Amino acid sequence: DGNNANGINLFGNSYAQVNSWNGQAVNISNNHGS
């Protein structure tokens, strides 16, 4: 949250995976980019 560029930034054949099986949440918000 609240980062000056993107919350999560991926390039060059990279991979990100979000896992929330424990009932908790992941928030990606209020970033100045995407």
All heavy atoms as atom14 arrays in JSON, in Angstrom:
{
  "sequence": "DGNNANGINLFGNSYAQVNSWNGQAVNISNNHGS",
  "atom14_mask": [
    [1, 1, 1, 1, 1, 1, 1, 1, 0, 0, 0, 0, 0, 0],
    [1, 1, 1, 1, 0, 0, 0, 0, 0, 0, 0, 0, 0, 0],
    [1, 1, 1, 1, 1, 1, 1, 1, 0, 0, 0, 0, 0, 0],
    [1, 1, 1, 1, 1, 1, 1, 1, 0, 0, 0, 0, 0, 0],
    [1, 1, 1, 1, 1, 0, 0, 0, 0, 0, 0, 0, 0, 0],
    [1, 1, 1, 1, 1, 1, 1, 1, 0, 0, 0, 0, 0, 0],
    [1, 1, 1, 1, 0, 0, 0, 0, 0, 0, 0, 0, 0, 0],
    [1, 1, 1, 1, 1, 1, 1, 1, 0, 0, 0, 0, 0, 0],
    [1, 1, 1, 1, 1, 1, 1, 1, 0, 0, 0, 0, 0, 0],
    [1, 1, 1, 1, 1, 1, 1, 1, 0, 0, 0, 0, 0, 0],
    [1, 1, 1, 1, 1, 1, 1, 1, 1, 1, 1, 0, 0, 0],
    [1, 1, 1, 1, 0, 0, 0, 0, 0, 0, 0, 0, 0, 0],
    [1, 1, 1, 1, 1, 1, 1, 1, 0, 0, 0, 0, 0, 0],
    [1, 1, 1, 1, 1, 1, 0, 0, 0, 0, 0, 0, 0, 0],
    [1, 1, 1, 1, 1, 1, 1, 1, 1, 1, 1, 1, 0, 0],
    [1, 1, 1, 1, 1, 0, 0, 0, 0, 0, 0, 0, 0, 0],
    [1, 1, 1, 1, 1, 1, 1, 1, 1, 0, 0, 0, 0, 0],
    [1, 1, 1, 1, 1, 1, 1, 0, 0, 0, 0, 0, 0, 0],
    [1, 1, 1, 1, 1, 1, 1, 1, 0, 0, 0, 0, 0, 0],
    [1, 1, 1, 1, 1, 1, 0, 0, 0, 0, 0, 0, 0, 0],
    [1, 1, 1, 1, 1, 1, 1, 1, 1, 1, 1, 1, 1, 1],
    [1, 1, 1, 1, 1, 1, 1, 1, 0, 0, 0, 0, 0, 0],
    [1, 1, 1, 1, 0, 0, 0, 0, 0, 0, 0, 0, 0, 0],
    [1, 1, 1, 1, 1, 1, 1, 1, 1, 0, 0, 0, 0, 0],
    [1, 1, 1, 1, 1, 0, 0, 0, 0, 0, 0, 0, 0, 0],
    [1, 1, 1, 1, 1, 1, 1, 0, 0, 0, 0, 0, 0, 0],
    [1, 1, 1, 1, 1, 1, 1, 1, 0, 0, 0, 0, 0, 0],
    [1, 1, 1, 1, 1, 1, 1, 1, 0, 0, 0, 0, 0, 0],
    [1, 1, 1, 1, 1, 1, 0, 0, 0, 0, 0, 0, 0, 0],
    [1, 1, 1, 1, 1, 1, 1, 1, 0, 0, 0, 0, 0, 0],
    [1, 1, 1, 1, 1, 1, 1, 1, 0, 0, 0, 0, 0, 0],
    [1, 1, 1, 1, 1, 1, 1, 1, 1, 1, 0, 0, 0, 0],
    [1, 1, 1, 1, 0, 0, 0, 0, 0, 0, 0, 0, 0, 0],
    [1, 1, 1, 1, 1, 1, 0, 0, 0, 0, 0, 0, 0, 0]
  ],
  "atom14_positions": [
    [[0.81, -1.21, 0.0], [0.0, 0.0, 0.0], [0.85, 1.27, 0.0], [1.93, 1.31, 0.62], [-0.91, 0.05, 1.24], [-1.88, -1.11, 1.31], [-2.11, -1.76, 0.27], [-2.41, -1.36, 2.4], [0.0, 0.0, 0.0], [0.0, 0.0, 0.0], [0.0, 0.0, 0.0], [0.0, 0.0, 0.0], [0.0, 0.0, 0.0], [0.0, 0.0, 0.0]],
    [[0.36, 2.29, -0.67], [0.94, 3.62, -0.55], [2.35, 3.75, -1.07], [3.08, 4.65, -0.63], [0.0, 0.0, 0.0], [0.0, 0.0, 0.0], [0.0, 0.0, 0.0], [0.0, 0.0, 0.0], [0.0, 0.0, 0.0], [0.0, 0.0, 0.0], [0.0, 0.0, 0.0], [0.0, 0.0, 0.0], [0.0, 0.0, 0.0], [0.0, 0.0, 0.0]],
    [[2.76, 2.92, -2.01], [4.09, 3.04, -2.59], [4.08, 4.06, -3.72], [3.06, 4.3, -4.37], [4.56, 1.67, -3.08], [4.65, 0.66, -1.94], [5.53, 0.74, -1.1], [3.69, -0.27, -1.9], [0.0, 0.0, 0.0], [0.0, 0.0, 0.0], [0.0, 0.0, 0.0], [0.0, 0.0, 0.0], [0.0, 0.0, 0.0], [0.0, 0.0, 0.0]],
    [[5.23, 4.67, -3.97], [5.29, 5.78, -4.91], [5.2, 5.34, -6.37], [4.92, 6.17, -7.24], [6.57, 6.59, -4.71], [6.48, 7.98, -5.28], [5.52, 8.7, -5.02], [7.46, 8.37, -6.08], [0.0, 0.0, 0.0], [0.0, 0.0, 0.0], [0.0, 0.0, 0.0], [0.0, 0.0, 0.0], [0.0, 0.0, 0.0], [0.0, 0.0, 0.0]],
    [[5.42, 4.07, -6.65], [5.25, 3.53, -8.01], [4.13, 2.49, -7.96], [3.02, 2.81, -7.57], [6.57, 2.97, -8.52], [0.0, 0.0, 0.0], [0.0, 0.0, 0.0], [0.0, 0.0, 0.0], [0.0, 0.0, 0.0], [0.0, 0.0, 0.0], [0.0, 0.0, 0.0], [0.0, 0.0, 0.0], [0.0, 0.0, 0.0], [0.0, 0.0, 0.0]],
    [[4.41, 1.25, -8.34], [3.39, 0.21, -8.35], [3.42, -0.6, -7.06], [4.47, -0.73, -6.42], [3.61, -0.72, -9.54], [3.6, 0.03, -10.87], [2.69, 0.81, -11.15], [4.63, -0.18, -11.67], [0.0, 0.0, 0.0], [0.0, 0.0, 0.0], [0.0, 0.0, 0.0], [0.0, 0.0, 0.0], [0.0, 0.0, 0.0], [0.0, 0.0, 0.0]],
    [[2.28, -1.18, -6.7], [2.26, -2.04, -5.52], [3.11, -3.28, -5.73], [4.02, -3.58, -4.95], [0.0, 0.0, 0.0], [0.0, 0.0, 0.0], [0.0, 0.0, 0.0], [0.0, 0.0, 0.0], [0.0, 0.0, 0.0], [0.0, 0.0, 0.0], [0.0, 0.0, 0.0], [0.0, 0.0, 0.0], [0.0, 0.0, 0.0], [0.0, 0.0, 0.0]],
    [[2.82, -4.04, -6.81], [3.61, -5.19, -7.22], [4.0, -4.96, -8.67], [3.15, -4.7, -9.52], [2.84, -6.5, -7.06], [2.52, -6.74, -5.58], [3.62, -7.67, -7.63], [1.69, -7.99, -5.33], [0.0, 0.0, 0.0], [0.0, 0.0, 0.0], [0.0, 0.0, 0.0], [0.0, 0.0, 0.0], [0.0, 0.0, 0.0], [0.0, 0.0, 0.0]],
    [[5.3, -5.08, -8.98], [5.83, -4.81, -10.3], [6.56, -6.06, -10.8], [7.49, -6.55, -10.15], [6.79, -3.63, -10.25], [7.17, -3.1, -11.61], [6.41, -2.34, -12.21], [8.33, -3.48, -12.11], [0.0, 0.0, 0.0], [0.0, 0.0, 0.0], [0.0, 0.0, 0.0], [0.0, 0.0, 0.0], [0.0, 0.0, 0.0], [0.0, 0.0, 0.0]],
    [[6.14, -6.59, -11.96], [6.71, -7.84, -12.49], [7.23, -7.63, -13.9], [6.57, -6.97, -14.71], [5.64, -8.94, -12.54], [4.82, -9.21, -11.28], [3.65, -10.12, -11.6], [5.69, -9.84, -10.22], [0.0, 0.0, 0.0], [0.0, 0.0, 0.0], [0.0, 0.0, 0.0], [0.0, 0.0, 0.0], [0.0, 0.0, 0.0], [0.0, 0.0, 0.0]],
    [[8.39, -8.2, -14.21], [8.91, -8.15, -15.57], [9.91, -9.28, -15.76], [10.36, -9.92, -14.81], [9.56, -6.79, -15.86], [10.79, -6.5, -15.04], [12.06, -6.76, -15.54], [10.7, -5.96, -13.76], [13.2, -6.49, -14.8], [11.82, -5.7, -13.0], [13.08, -5.96, -13.52], [0.0, 0.0, 0.0], [0.0, 0.0, 0.0], [0.0, 0.0, 0.0]],
    [[10.24, -9.54, -17.04], [11.3, -10.51, -17.33], [10.99, -11.92, -16.92], [11.8, -12.58, -16.28], [0.0, 0.0, 0.0], [0.0, 0.0, 0.0], [0.0, 0.0, 0.0], [0.0, 0.0, 0.0], [0.0, 0.0, 0.0], [0.0, 0.0, 0.0], [0.0, 0.0, 0.0], [0.0, 0.0, 0.0], [0.0, 0.0, 0.0], [0.0, 0.0, 0.0]],
    [[9.77, -12.43, -17.29], [9.41, -13.83, -17.02], [9.38, -14.17, -15.53], [9.77, -15.26, -15.11], [10.35, -14.78, -17.76], [10.25, -14.64, -19.26], [9.16, -14.64, -19.82], [11.4, -14.48, -19.92], [0.0, 0.0, 0.0], [0.0, 0.0, 0.0], [0.0, 0.0, 0.0], [0.0, 0.0, 0.0], [0.0, 0.0, 0.0], [0.0, 0.0, 0.0]],
    [[8.91, -13.24, -14.73], [8.78, -13.48, -13.3], [7.35, -13.89, -12.95], [6.45, -13.83, -13.78], [9.18, -12.22, -12.53], [10.56, -11.94, -12.72], [0.0, 0.0, 0.0], [0.0, 0.0, 0.0], [0.0, 0.0, 0.0], [0.0, 0.0, 0.0], [0.0, 0.0, 0.0], [0.0, 0.0, 0.0], [0.0, 0.0, 0.0], [0.0, 0.0, 0.0]],
    [[7.18, -14.29, -11.69], [5.89, -14.86, -11.27], [5.61, -14.5, -9.83], [6.47, -14.65, -8.96], [5.93, -16.38, -11.42], [4.68, -17.1, -10.99], [3.48, -16.9, -11.65], [4.71, -17.98, -9.91], [2.33, -17.58, -11.25], [3.57, -18.66, -9.52], [2.37, -18.46, -10.19], [1.24, -19.12, -9.8], [0.0, 0.0, 0.0], [0.0, 0.0, 0.0]],
    [[4.39, -14.01, -9.57], [3.94, -13.74, -8.2], [2.63, -14.47, -7.98], [1.74, -14.46, -8.84], [3.77, -12.24, -7.96], [0.0, 0.0, 0.0], [0.0, 0.0, 0.0], [0.0, 0.0, 0.0], [0.0, 0.0, 0.0], [0.0, 0.0, 0.0], [0.0, 0.0, 0.0], [0.0, 0.0, 0.0], [0.0, 0.0, 0.0], [0.0, 0.0, 0.0]],
    [[2.5, -15.08, -6.81], [1.3, -15.84, -6.47], [0.82, -15.45, -5.08], [1.61, -15.43, -4.13], [1.59, -17.33, -6.52], [0.41, -18.22, -6.13], [0.78, -19.68, -6.19], [1.17, -20.18, -7.24], [0.66, -20.37, -5.08], [0.0, 0.0, 0.0], [0.0, 0.0, 0.0], [0.0, 0.0, 0.0], [0.0, 0.0, 0.0], [0.0, 0.0, 0.0]],
    [[-0.47, -15.14, -4.96], [-1.07, -14.73, -3.7], [-1.88, -15.9, -3.14], [-2.72, -16.48, -3.84], [-1.97, -13.51, -3.89], [-2.72, -13.18, -2.6], [-1.14, -12.31, -4.34], [0.0, 0.0, 0.0], [0.0, 0.0, 0.0], [0.0, 0.0, 0.0], [0.0, 0.0, 0.0], [0.0, 0.0, 0.0], [0.0, 0.0, 0.0], [0.0, 0.0, 0.0]],
    [[-1.63, -16.23, -1.87], [-2.28, -17.37, -1.21], [-2.97, -16.89, 0.07], [-2.31, -16.34, 0.95], [-1.25, -18.44, -0.87], [-0.46, -18.88, -2.1], [-0.91, -19.7, -2.86], [0.72, -18.28, -2.29], [0.0, 0.0, 0.0], [0.0, 0.0, 0.0], [0.0, 0.0, 0.0], [0.0, 0.0, 0.0], [0.0, 0.0, 0.0], [0.0, 0.0, 0.0]],
    [[-4.29, -17.14, 0.16], [-5.06, -16.65, 1.3], [-5.96, -17.74, 1.86], [-7.09, -17.5, 2.26], [-5.91, -15.44, 0.88], [-5.12, -14.4, 0.36], [0.0, 0.0, 0.0], [0.0, 0.0, 0.0], [0.0, 0.0, 0.0], [0.0, 0.0, 0.0], [0.0, 0.0, 0.0], [0.0, 0.0, 0.0], [0.0, 0.0, 0.0], [0.0, 0.0, 0.0]],
    [[-5.46, -18.98, 1.88], [-6.29, -20.08, 2.37], [-6.61, -19.95, 3.86], [-7.51, -20.61, 4.36], [-5.6, -21.41, 2.09], [-4.32, -21.59, 2.86], [-4.19, -21.83, 4.19], [-3.0, -21.51, 2.33], [-2.85, -21.92, 4.52], [-2.1, -21.72, 3.41], [-2.48, -21.29, 1.07], [-0.72, -21.72, 3.25], [-1.11, -21.29, 0.91], [-0.25, -21.5, 1.98]],
    [[-5.86, -19.12, 4.59], [-6.03, -19.0, 6.04], [-7.11, -18.01, 6.43], [-7.27, -17.69, 7.6], [-4.7, -18.59, 6.69], [-4.12, -17.33, 6.05], [-4.8, -16.6, 5.34], [-2.85, -17.08, 6.3], [0.0, 0.0, 0.0], [0.0, 0.0, 0.0], [0.0, 0.0, 0.0], [0.0, 0.0, 0.0], [0.0, 0.0, 0.0], [0.0, 0.0, 0.0]],
    [[-7.87, -17.5, 5.46], [-8.95, -16.56, 5.75], [-8.52, -15.12, 5.88], [-9.36, -14.24, 6.1], [0.0, 0.0, 0.0], [0.0, 0.0, 0.0], [0.0, 0.0, 0.0], [0.0, 0.0, 0.0], [0.0, 0.0, 0.0], [0.0, 0.0, 0.0], [0.0, 0.0, 0.0], [0.0, 0.0, 0.0], [0.0, 0.0, 0.0], [0.0, 0.0, 0.0]],
    [[-7.23, -14.84, 5.76], [-6.72, -13.48, 5.81], [-6.69, -12.89, 4.39], [-6.85, -13.6, 3.41], [-5.32, -13.47, 6.41], [-5.24, -14.06, 7.81], [-5.98, -13.23, 8.83], [-5.88, -12.01, 8.86], [-6.75, -13.9, 9.69], [0.0, 0.0, 0.0], [0.0, 0.0, 0.0], [0.0, 0.0, 0.0], [0.0, 0.0, 0.0], [0.0, 0.0, 0.0]],
    [[-6.48, -11.57, 4.31], [-6.57, -10.87, 3.03], [-5.23, -10.28, 2.62], [-4.34, -10.07, 3.45], [-7.62, -9.77, 3.1], [0.0, 0.0, 0.0], [0.0, 0.0, 0.0], [0.0, 0.0, 0.0], [0.0, 0.0, 0.0], [0.0, 0.0, 0.0], [0.0, 0.0, 0.0], [0.0, 0.0, 0.0], [0.0, 0.0, 0.0], [0.0, 0.0, 0.0]],
    [[-5.11, -10.0, 1.33], [-3.98, -9.26, 0.78], [-4.53, -7.98, 0.15], [-5.44, -8.03, -0.68], [-3.22, -10.08, -0.27], [-2.17, -9.23, -0.97], [-2.57, -11.3, 0.38], [0.0, 0.0, 0.0], [0.0, 0.0, 0.0], [0.0, 0.0, 0.0], [0.0, 0.0, 0.0], [0.0, 0.0, 0.0], [0.0, 0.0, 0.0], [0.0, 0.0, 0.0]],
    [[-3.99, -6.83, 0.58], [-4.43, -5.54, 0.08], [-3.34, -4.9, -0.77], [-2.17, -4.88, -0.38], [-4.77, -4.61, 1.24], [-5.97, -5.09, 2.04], [-7.03, -5.3, 1.48], [-5.79, -5.27, 3.33], [0.0, 0.0, 0.0], [0.0, 0.0, 0.0], [0.0, 0.0, 0.0], [0.0, 0.0, 0.0], [0.0, 0.0, 0.0], [0.0, 0.0, 0.0]],
    [[-3.76, -4.38, -1.92], [-2.85, -3.66, -2.82], [-3.55, -2.35, -3.15], [-4.39, -2.29, -4.06], [-2.56, -4.48, -4.09], [-2.07, -5.89, -3.73], [-1.51, -3.78, -4.95], [-1.94, -6.83, -4.91], [0.0, 0.0, 0.0], [0.0, 0.0, 0.0], [0.0, 0.0, 0.0], [0.0, 0.0, 0.0], [0.0, 0.0, 0.0], [0.0, 0.0, 0.0]],
    [[-3.24, -1.3, -2.41], [-4.07, -0.1, -2.5], [-3.27, 1.18, -2.34], [-2.16, 1.19, -1.81], [-5.16, -0.14, -1.42], [-4.59, -0.08, -0.12], [0.0, 0.0, 0.0], [0.0, 0.0, 0.0], [0.0, 0.0, 0.0], [0.0, 0.0, 0.0], [0.0, 0.0, 0.0], [0.0, 0.0, 0.0], [0.0, 0.0, 0.0], [0.0, 0.0, 0.0]],
    [[-3.85, 2.27, -2.86], [-3.33, 3.62, -2.67], [-1.9, 3.8, -3.16], [-1.15, 4.64, -2.63], [-3.45, 4.03, -1.2], [-4.89, 4.11, -0.75], [-5.67, 4.92, -1.23], [-5.26, 3.23, 0.17], [0.0, 0.0, 0.0], [0.0, 0.0, 0.0], [0.0, 0.0, 0.0], [0.0, 0.0, 0.0], [0.0, 0.0, 0.0], [0.0, 0.0, 0.0]],
    [[-1.5, 3.02, -4.16], [-0.19, 3.22, -4.77], [-0.3, 4.32, -5.84], [-1.34, 4.52, -6.46], [0.3, 1.91, -5.39], [0.5, 0.84, -4.33], [1.46, 0.89, -3.57], [-0.41, -0.13, -4.28], [0.0, 0.0, 0.0], [0.0, 0.0, 0.0], [0.0, 0.0, 0.0], [0.0, 0.0, 0.0], [0.0, 0.0, 0.0], [0.0, 0.0, 0.0]],
    [[0.82, 5.03, -6.06], [0.8, 6.13, -7.02], [0.8, 5.64, -8.46], [0.44, 6.39, -9.36], [1.99, 7.06, -6.77], [1.86, 7.83, -5.5], [2.62, 8.96, -5.24], [1.08, 7.66, -4.41], [2.29, 9.44, -4.04], [1.37, 8.65, -3.52], [0.0, 0.0, 0.0], [0.0, 0.0, 0.0], [0.0, 0.0, 0.0], [0.0, 0.0, 0.0]],
    [[1.23, 4.42, -8.69], [1.13, 3.79, -10.0], [-0.05, 2.83, -10.0], [-1.12, 3.12, -9.47], [0.0, 0.0, 0.0], [0.0, 0.0, 0.0], [0.0, 0.0, 0.0], [0.0, 0.0, 0.0], [0.0, 0.0, 0.0], [0.0, 0.0, 0.0], [0.0, 0.0, 0.0], [0.0, 0.0, 0.0], [0.0, 0.0, 0.0], [0.0, 0.0, 0.0]],
    [[0.13, 1.68, -10.62], [-0.91, 0.65, -10.65], [-0.78, -0.29, -9.46], [0.29, -0.38, -8.83], [-0.82, -0.13, -11.96], [-1.13, 0.7, -13.07], [0.0, 0.0, 0.0], [0.0, 0.0, 0.0], [0.0, 0.0, 0.0], [0.0, 0.0, 0.0], [0.0, 0.0, 0.0], [0.0, 0.0, 0.0], [0.0, 0.0, 0.0], [0.0, 0.0, 0.0]]
  ]
}
